[in-house]
């Protein structure tokens, strides 16, 4: 699975948790999940659980702490998918 596919699927997953949906129209890899997308920290956990279920992977706590931006999240997910 390539990173572009993961990006599109991640966008669908996080859309549920983004309060201002119009932000998703111009989503870039640099967007910060909390500061730019206004996703609260409790929903970050929900997103991780959704991602783990979708890709049948396990994301460790230290990796979650590194998922600050969309790009970082994609890199971590992609790495975990490749490890399977």
PDB file of N, CA and C in Angstrom:
ATOM      1  N   UNK A   1       0.848  -1.174   0.000  1.00  0.00           N
ATOM      2  CA  UNK A   1       0.000   0.000   0.000  1.00  0.00           C
ATOM      3  C   UNK A   1       0.897   1.242   0.000  1.00  0.00           C
ATOM      4  N   UNK A   2       0.587   2.191  -0.883  1.00  0.00           N
ATOM      5  CA  UNK A   2       1.437   3.373  -0.970  1.00  0.00           C
ATOM      6  C   UNK A   2       0.926   4.490  -0.058  1.00  0.00           C
ATOM      7  N   UNK A   3       1.774   5.509   0.114  1.00  0.00           N
ATOM      8  CA  UNK A   3       1.458   6.597   1.032  1.00  0.00           C
ATOM      9  C   UNK A   3       0.274   7.439   0.553  1.00  0.00           C
ATOM     10  N   UNK A   4       0.094   7.562  -0.747  1.00  0.00           N
ATOM     11  CA  UNK A   4      -1.044   8.337  -1.259  1.00  0.00           C
ATOM     12  C   UNK A   4      -2.370   7.685  -0.874  1.00  0.00           C
ATOM     13  N   UNK A   5      -2.419   6.369  -0.957  1.00  0.00           N
ATOM     14  CA  UNK A   5      -3.622   5.635  -0.563  1.00  0.00           C
ATOM     15  C   UNK A   5      -3.881   5.823   0.930  1.00  0.00           C
ATOM     16  N   UNK A   6      -2.824   5.718   1.723  1.00  0.00           N
ATOM     17  CA  UNK A   6      -2.957   5.912   3.164  1.00  0.00           C
ATOM     18  C   UNK A   6      -3.436   7.332   3.461  1.00  0.00           C
ATOM     19  N   UNK A   7      -2.906   8.314   2.733  1.00  0.00           N
ATOM     20  CA  UNK A   7      -3.315   9.697   2.960  1.00  0.00           C
ATOM     21  C   UNK A   7      -4.816   9.874   2.716  1.00  0.00           C
ATOM     22  N   UNK A   8      -5.317   9.321   1.635  1.00  0.00           N
ATOM     23  CA  UNK A   8      -6.746   9.436   1.336  1.00  0.00           C
ATOM     24  C   UNK A   8      -7.595   8.728   2.394  1.00  0.00           C
ATOM     25  N   UNK A   9      -7.154   7.550   2.817  1.00  0.00           N
ATOM     26  CA  UNK A   9      -7.899   6.803   3.832  1.00  0.00           C
ATOM     27  C   UNK A   9      -7.821   7.489   5.190  1.00  0.00           C
ATOM     28  N   UNK A  10      -6.670   8.057   5.520  1.00  0.00           N
ATOM     29  CA  UNK A  10      -6.521   8.777   6.785  1.00  0.00           C
ATOM     30  C   UNK A  10      -7.418  10.013   6.804  1.00  0.00           C
ATOM     31  N   UNK A  11      -7.509  10.680   5.676  1.00  0.00           N
ATOM     32  CA  UNK A  11      -8.384  11.854   5.575  1.00  0.00           C
ATOM     33  C   UNK A  11      -9.831  11.471   5.895  1.00  0.00           C
ATOM     34  N   UNK A  12     -10.266  10.322   5.394  1.00  0.00           N
ATOM     35  CA  UNK A  12     -11.620   9.840   5.682  1.00  0.00           C
ATOM     36  C   UNK A  12     -11.790   9.525   7.167  1.00  0.00           C
ATOM     37  N   UNK A  13     -10.766   8.936   7.768  1.00  0.00           N
ATOM     38  CA  UNK A  13     -10.834   8.576   9.183  1.00  0.00           C
ATOM     39  C   UNK A  13     -10.906   9.829  10.055  1.00  0.00           C
ATOM     40  N   UNK A  14     -10.049  10.811   9.783  1.00  0.00           N
ATOM     41  CA  UNK A  14     -10.008  11.991  10.657  1.00  0.00           C
ATOM     42  C   UNK A  14     -11.164  12.944  10.404  1.00  0.00           C
ATOM     43  N   UNK A  15     -11.811  12.847   9.255  1.00  0.00           N
ATOM     44  CA  UNK A  15     -12.907  13.771   8.931  1.00  0.00           C
ATOM     45  C   UNK A  15     -13.993  13.770   9.996  1.00  0.00           C
ATOM     46  N   UNK A  16     -14.218  12.631  10.595  1.00  0.00           N
ATOM     47  CA  UNK A  16     -15.240  12.501  11.637  1.00  0.00           C
ATOM     48  C   UNK A  16     -14.916  13.384  12.844  1.00  0.00           C
ATOM     49  N   UNK A  17     -13.624  13.601  13.095  1.00  0.00           N
ATOM     50  CA  UNK A  17     -13.179  14.282  14.305  1.00  0.00           C
ATOM     51  C   UNK A  17     -12.795  15.750  14.089  1.00  0.00           C
ATOM     52  N   UNK A  18     -12.822  16.215  12.845  1.00  0.00           N
ATOM     53  CA  UNK A  18     -12.453  17.599  12.537  1.00  0.00           C
ATOM     54  C   UNK A  18     -13.705  18.468  12.637  1.00  0.00           C
ATOM     55  N   UNK A  19     -13.707  19.456  13.559  1.00  0.00           N
ATOM     56  CA  UNK A  19     -14.904  20.272  13.738  1.00  0.00           C
ATOM     57  C   UNK A  19     -15.189  21.207  12.553  1.00  0.00           C
ATOM     58  N   UNK A  20     -14.140  21.672  11.876  1.00  0.00           N
ATOM     59  CA  UNK A  20     -14.310  22.592  10.746  1.00  0.00           C
ATOM     60  C   UNK A  20     -13.984  21.832   9.451  1.00  0.00           C
ATOM     61  N   UNK A  21     -14.993  21.233   8.847  1.00  0.00           N
ATOM     62  CA  UNK A  21     -14.812  20.336   7.698  1.00  0.00           C
ATOM     63  C   UNK A  21     -14.139  21.006   6.498  1.00  0.00           C
ATOM     64  N   UNK A  22     -14.306  22.326   6.336  1.00  0.00           N
ATOM     65  CA  UNK A  22     -13.707  23.002   5.180  1.00  0.00           C
ATOM     66  C   UNK A  22     -12.177  22.962   5.209  1.00  0.00           C
ATOM     67  N   UNK A  23     -11.598  22.756   6.376  1.00  0.00           N
ATOM     68  CA  UNK A  23     -10.140  22.625   6.492  1.00  0.00           C
ATOM     69  C   UNK A  23      -9.649  21.433   5.673  1.00  0.00           C
ATOM     70  N   UNK A  24     -10.451  20.390   5.594  1.00  0.00           N
ATOM     71  CA  UNK A  24     -10.049  19.165   4.889  1.00  0.00           C
ATOM     72  C   UNK A  24      -9.891  19.377   3.387  1.00  0.00           C
ATOM     73  N   UNK A  25     -10.489  20.435   2.842  1.00  0.00           N
ATOM     74  CA  UNK A  25     -10.399  20.695   1.400  1.00  0.00           C
ATOM     75  C   UNK A  25      -8.978  20.996   0.956  1.00  0.00           C
ATOM     76  N   UNK A  26      -8.178  21.594   1.836  1.00  0.00           N
ATOM     77  CA  UNK A  26      -6.811  21.977   1.491  1.00  0.00           C
ATOM     78  C   UNK A  26      -5.783  21.270   2.370  1.00  0.00           C
ATOM     79  N   UNK A  27      -6.084  20.053   2.737  1.00  0.00           N
ATOM     80  CA  UNK A  27      -5.233  19.289   3.648  1.00  0.00           C
ATOM     81  C   UNK A  27      -3.853  19.055   3.043  1.00  0.00           C
ATOM     82  N   UNK A  28      -2.812  19.357   3.829  1.00  0.00           N
ATOM     83  CA  UNK A  28      -1.439  19.095   3.392  1.00  0.00           C
ATOM     84  C   UNK A  28      -0.744  18.223   4.428  1.00  0.00           C
ATOM     85  N   UNK A  29       0.403  17.696   4.057  1.00  0.00           N
ATOM     86  CA  UNK A  29       1.171  16.832   4.953  1.00  0.00           C
ATOM     87  C   UNK A  29       1.676  17.576   6.180  1.00  0.00           C
ATOM     88  N   UNK A  30       1.771  18.906   6.089  1.00  0.00           N
ATOM     89  CA  UNK A  30       2.302  19.703   7.184  1.00  0.00           C
ATOM     90  C   UNK A  30       1.249  20.043   8.234  1.00  0.00           C
ATOM     91  N   UNK A  31      -0.017  19.783   7.958  1.00  0.00           N
ATOM     92  CA  UNK A  31      -1.071  20.135   8.904  1.00  0.00           C
ATOM     93  C   UNK A  31      -0.882  19.381  10.215  1.00  0.00           C
ATOM     94  N   UNK A  32      -0.907  20.140  11.297  1.00  0.00           N
ATOM     95  CA  UNK A  32      -0.814  19.578  12.636  1.00  0.00           C
ATOM     96  C   UNK A  32      -2.201  19.088  13.059  1.00  0.00           C
ATOM     97  N   UNK A  33      -2.260  17.877  13.565  1.00  0.00           N
ATOM     98  CA  UNK A  33      -3.550  17.284  13.923  1.00  0.00           C
ATOM     99  C   UNK A  33      -4.287  18.094  14.985  1.00  0.00           C
ATOM    100  N   UNK A  34      -3.568  18.584  15.977  1.00  0.00           N
ATOM    101  CA  UNK A  34      -4.214  19.300  17.077  1.00  0.00           C
ATOM    102  C   UNK A  34      -4.356  20.795  16.773  1.00  0.00           C
ATOM    103  N   UNK A  35      -3.269  21.444  16.371  1.00  0.00           N
ATOM    104  CA  UNK A  35      -3.303  22.892  16.189  1.00  0.00           C
ATOM    105  C   UNK A  35      -4.021  23.337  14.920  1.00  0.00           C
ATOM    106  N   UNK A  36      -3.766  22.678  13.803  1.00  0.00           N
ATOM    107  CA  UNK A  36      -4.371  23.099  12.531  1.00  0.00           C
ATOM    108  C   UNK A  36      -5.761  22.508  12.320  1.00  0.00           C
ATOM    109  N   UNK A  37      -5.922  21.233  12.651  1.00  0.00           N
ATOM    110  CA  UNK A  37      -7.194  20.562  12.402  1.00  0.00           C
ATOM    111  C   UNK A  37      -8.139  20.641  13.593  1.00  0.00           C
ATOM    112  N   UNK A  38      -7.640  21.162  14.711  1.00  0.00           N
ATOM    113  CA  UNK A  38      -8.473  21.360  15.917  1.00  0.00           C
ATOM    114  C   UNK A  38      -9.055  20.051  16.463  1.00  0.00           C
ATOM    115  N   UNK A  39      -8.283  18.970  16.326  1.00  0.00           N
ATOM    116  CA  UNK A  39      -8.702  17.676  16.873  1.00  0.00           C
ATOM    117  C   UNK A  39      -8.217  17.621  18.316  1.00  0.00           C
ATOM    118  N   UNK A  40      -9.120  17.333  19.246  1.00  0.00           N
ATOM    119  CA  UNK A  40      -8.679  17.301  20.644  1.00  0.00           C
ATOM    120  C   UNK A  40      -7.934  15.996  20.942  1.00  0.00           C
ATOM    121  N   UNK A  41      -7.181  16.022  22.020  1.00  0.00           N
ATOM    122  CA  UNK A  41      -6.293  14.895  22.324  1.00  0.00           C
ATOM    123  C   UNK A  41      -7.056  13.592  22.558  1.00  0.00           C
ATOM    124  N   UNK A  42      -8.257  13.674  23.082  1.00  0.00           N
ATOM    125  CA  UNK A  42      -9.054  12.451  23.277  1.00  0.00           C
ATOM    126  C   UNK A  42      -9.402  11.821  21.930  1.00  0.00           C
ATOM    127  N   UNK A  43      -9.653  12.648  20.944  1.00  0.00           N
ATOM    128  CA  UNK A  43      -9.981  12.127  19.617  1.00  0.00           C
ATOM    129  C   UNK A  43      -8.757  11.579  18.891  1.00  0.00           C
ATOM    130  N   UNK A  44      -7.569  12.023  19.273  1.00  0.00           N
ATOM    131  CA  UNK A  44      -6.350  11.446  18.698  1.00  0.00           C
ATOM    132  C   UNK A  44      -6.324   9.947  19.021  1.00  0.00           C
ATOM    133  N   UNK A  45      -6.689   9.607  20.242  1.00  0.00           N
ATOM    134  CA  UNK A  45      -6.747   8.194  20.649  1.00  0.00           C
ATOM    135  C   UNK A  45      -7.775   7.455  19.791  1.00  0.00           C
ATOM    136  N   UNK A  46      -8.931   8.068  19.565  1.00  0.00           N
ATOM    137  CA  UNK A  46      -9.954   7.450  18.718  1.00  0.00           C
ATOM    138  C   UNK A  46      -9.438   7.227  17.303  1.00  0.00           C
ATOM    139  N   UNK A  47      -8.708   8.206  16.774  1.00  0.00           N
ATOM    140  CA  UNK A  47      -8.151   8.086  15.422  1.00  0.00           C
ATOM    141  C   UNK A  47      -7.160   6.932  15.366  1.00  0.00           C
ATOM    142  N   UNK A  48      -6.303   6.838  16.374  1.00  0.00           N
ATOM    143  CA  UNK A  48      -5.322   5.747  16.413  1.00  0.00           C
ATOM    144  C   UNK A  48      -6.040   4.394  16.454  1.00  0.00           C
ATOM    145  N   UNK A  49      -7.078   4.295  17.262  1.00  0.00           N
ATOM    146  CA  UNK A  49      -7.842   3.040  17.336  1.00  0.00           C
ATOM    147  C   UNK A  49      -8.485   2.714  15.984  1.00  0.00           C
ATOM    148  N   UNK A  50      -9.029   3.721  15.315  1.00  0.00           N
ATOM    149  CA  UNK A  50      -9.622   3.520  13.984  1.00  0.00           C
ATOM    150  C   UNK A  50      -8.574   3.059  12.975  1.00  0.00           C
ATOM    151  N   UNK A  51      -7.393   3.673  13.036  1.00  0.00           N
ATOM    152  CA  UNK A  51      -6.294   3.315  12.121  1.00  0.00           C
ATOM    153  C   UNK A  51      -5.837   1.883  12.402  1.00  0.00           C
ATOM    154  N   UNK A  52      -5.672   1.553  13.674  1.00  0.00           N
ATOM    155  CA  UNK A  52      -5.233   0.200  14.031  1.00  0.00           C
ATOM    156  C   UNK A  52      -6.220  -0.842  13.513  1.00  0.00           C
ATOM    157  N   UNK A  53      -7.498  -0.557  13.636  1.00  0.00           N
ATOM    158  CA  UNK A  53      -8.512  -1.490  13.167  1.00  0.00           C
ATOM    159  C   UNK A  53      -8.510  -1.600  11.638  1.00  0.00           C
ATOM    160  N   UNK A  54      -8.420  -0.458  10.960  1.00  0.00           N
ATOM    161  CA  UNK A  54      -8.473  -0.453   9.500  1.00  0.00           C
ATOM    162  C   UNK A  54      -7.310  -1.232   8.885  1.00  0.00           C
ATOM    163  N   UNK A  55      -6.109  -1.022   9.420  1.00  0.00           N
ATOM    164  CA  UNK A  55      -4.920  -1.620   8.823  1.00  0.00           C
ATOM    165  C   UNK A  55      -4.448  -2.876   9.549  1.00  0.00           C
ATOM    166  N   UNK A  56      -5.140  -3.257  10.612  1.00  0.00           N
ATOM    167  CA  UNK A  56      -4.750  -4.422  11.412  1.00  0.00           C
ATOM    168  C   UNK A  56      -3.298  -4.299  11.867  1.00  0.00           C
ATOM    169  N   UNK A  57      -3.000  -3.145  12.488  1.00  0.00           N
ATOM    170  CA  UNK A  57      -1.659  -2.873  13.004  1.00  0.00           C
ATOM    171  C   UNK A  57      -1.774  -2.432  14.456  1.00  0.00           C
ATOM    172  N   UNK A  58      -0.629  -2.346  15.118  1.00  0.00           N
ATOM    173  CA  UNK A  58      -0.570  -1.851  16.489  1.00  0.00           C
ATOM    174  C   UNK A  58       0.388  -0.664  16.498  1.00  0.00           C
ATOM    175  N   UNK A  59      -0.076   0.463  16.991  1.00  0.00           N
ATOM    176  CA  UNK A  59       0.762   1.655  17.082  1.00  0.00           C
ATOM    177  C   UNK A  59       1.099   1.881  18.548  1.00  0.00           C
ATOM    178  N   UNK A  60       2.378   1.814  18.872  1.00  0.00           N
ATOM    179  CA  UNK A  60       2.835   1.965  20.244  1.00  0.00           C
ATOM    180  C   UNK A  60       2.704   3.417  20.691  1.00  0.00           C
ATOM    181  N   UNK A  61       2.693   3.611  22.013  1.00  0.00           N
ATOM    182  CA  UNK A  61       2.525   4.943  22.578  1.00  0.00           C
ATOM    183  C   UNK A  61       3.579   5.934  22.094  1.00  0.00           C
ATOM    184  N   UNK A  62       4.842   5.487  22.002  1.00  0.00           N
ATOM    185  CA  UNK A  62       5.885   6.413  21.553  1.00  0.00           C
ATOM    186  C   UNK A  62       5.661   6.846  20.112  1.00  0.00           C
ATOM    187  N   UNK A  63       5.122   5.977  19.280  1.00  0.00           N
ATOM    188  CA  UNK A  63       4.811   6.330  17.889  1.00  0.00           C
ATOM    189  C   UNK A  63       3.641   7.311  17.838  1.00  0.00           C
ATOM    190  N   UNK A  64       2.674   7.127  18.724  1.00  0.00           N
ATOM    191  CA  UNK A  64       1.532   8.051  18.774  1.00  0.00           C
ATOM    192  C   UNK A  64       2.021   9.459  19.091  1.00  0.00           C
ATOM    193  N   UNK A  65       2.980   9.566  19.985  1.00  0.00           N
ATOM    194  CA  UNK A  65       3.522  10.876  20.362  1.00  0.00           C
ATOM    195  C   UNK A  65       4.252  11.551  19.204  1.00  0.00           C
ATOM    196  N   UNK A  66       4.674  10.776  18.206  1.00  0.00           N
ATOM    197  CA  UNK A  66       5.379  11.315  17.043  1.00  0.00           C
ATOM    198  C   UNK A  66       4.425  11.665  15.901  1.00  0.00           C
ATOM    199  N   UNK A  67       3.137  11.409  16.094  1.00  0.00           N
ATOM    200  CA  UNK A  67       2.155  11.657  15.046  1.00  0.00           C
ATOM    201  C   UNK A  67       1.578  13.068  15.173  1.00  0.00           C
ATOM    202  N   UNK A  68       2.430  14.074  15.046  1.00  0.00           N
ATOM    203  CA  UNK A  68       1.978  15.450  15.192  1.00  0.00           C
ATOM    204  C   UNK A  68       1.311  15.995  13.952  1.00  0.00           C
ATOM    205  N   UNK A  69       1.841  15.624  12.792  1.00  0.00           N
ATOM    206  CA  UNK A  69       1.299  16.139  11.527  1.00  0.00           C
ATOM    207  C   UNK A  69       0.719  14.995  10.699  1.00  0.00           C
ATOM    208  N   UNK A  70      -0.019  15.369   9.683  1.00  0.00           N
ATOM    209  CA  UNK A  70      -0.574  14.379   8.756  1.00  0.00           C
ATOM    210  C   UNK A  70       0.561  13.555   8.149  1.00  0.00           C
ATOM    211  N   UNK A  71       1.621  14.210   7.722  1.00  0.00           N
ATOM    212  CA  UNK A  71       2.755  13.517   7.105  1.00  0.00           C
ATOM    213  C   UNK A  71       3.412  12.522   8.049  1.00  0.00           C
ATOM    214  N   UNK A  72       3.596  12.921   9.301  1.00  0.00           N
ATOM    215  CA  UNK A  72       4.193  12.022  10.282  1.00  0.00           C
ATOM    216  C   UNK A  72       3.288  10.823  10.542  1.00  0.00           C
ATOM    217  N   UNK A  73       1.996  11.068  10.611  1.00  0.00           N
ATOM    218  CA  UNK A  73       1.044   9.975  10.827  1.00  0.00           C
ATOM    219  C   UNK A  73       1.097   8.989   9.657  1.00  0.00           C
ATOM    220  N   UNK A  74       1.144   9.511   8.445  1.00  0.00           N
ATOM    221  CA  UNK A  74       1.203   8.651   7.260  1.00  0.00           C
ATOM    222  C   UNK A  74       2.478   7.816   7.279  1.00  0.00           C
ATOM    223  N   UNK A  75       3.605   8.440   7.623  1.00  0.00           N
ATOM    224  CA  UNK A  75       4.878   7.712   7.665  1.00  0.00           C
ATOM    225  C   UNK A  75       4.826   6.568   8.682  1.00  0.00           C
ATOM    226  N   UNK A  76       4.250   6.829   9.850  1.00  0.00           N
ATOM    227  CA  UNK A  76       4.164   5.794  10.885  1.00  0.00           C
ATOM    228  C   UNK A  76       3.240   4.671  10.439  1.00  0.00           C
ATOM    229  N   UNK A  77       2.080   5.024   9.905  1.00  0.00           N
ATOM    230  CA  UNK A  77       1.129   4.010   9.435  1.00  0.00           C
ATOM    231  C   UNK A  77       1.758   3.184   8.314  1.00  0.00           C
ATOM    232  N   UNK A  78       2.394   3.849   7.367  1.00  0.00           N
ATOM    233  CA  UNK A  78       3.020   3.164   6.237  1.00  0.00           C
ATOM    234  C   UNK A  78       4.080   2.183   6.735  1.00  0.00           C
ATOM    235  N   UNK A  79       4.902   2.617   7.691  1.00  0.00           N
ATOM    236  CA  UNK A  79       5.925   1.751   8.248  1.00  0.00           C
ATOM    237  C   UNK A  79       5.337   0.516   8.923  1.00  0.00           C
ATOM    238  N   UNK A  80       4.257   0.715   9.666  1.00  0.00           N
ATOM    239  CA  UNK A  80       3.604  -0.409  10.349  1.00  0.00           C
ATOM    240  C   UNK A  80       2.969  -1.385   9.360  1.00  0.00           C
ATOM    241  N   UNK A  81       2.387  -0.850   8.296  1.00  0.00           N
ATOM    242  CA  UNK A  81       1.777  -1.696   7.262  1.00  0.00           C
ATOM    243  C   UNK A  81       2.857  -2.533   6.587  1.00  0.00           C
ATOM    244  N   UNK A  82       4.008  -1.931   6.319  1.00  0.00           N
ATOM    245  CA  UNK A  82       5.107  -2.668   5.675  1.00  0.00           C
ATOM    246  C   UNK A  82       5.671  -3.760   6.580  1.00  0.00           C
ATOM    247  N   UNK A  83       5.606  -3.557   7.896  1.00  0.00           N
ATOM    248  CA  UNK A  83       6.122  -4.547   8.848  1.00  0.00           C
ATOM    249  C   UNK A  83       5.258  -5.808   8.904  1.00  0.00           C
ATOM    250  N   UNK A  84       4.000  -5.695   8.492  1.00  0.00           N
ATOM    251  CA  UNK A  84       3.086  -6.835   8.598  1.00  0.00           C
ATOM    252  C   UNK A  84       3.523  -8.020   7.768  1.00  0.00           C
TER     253      UNK A  84
END
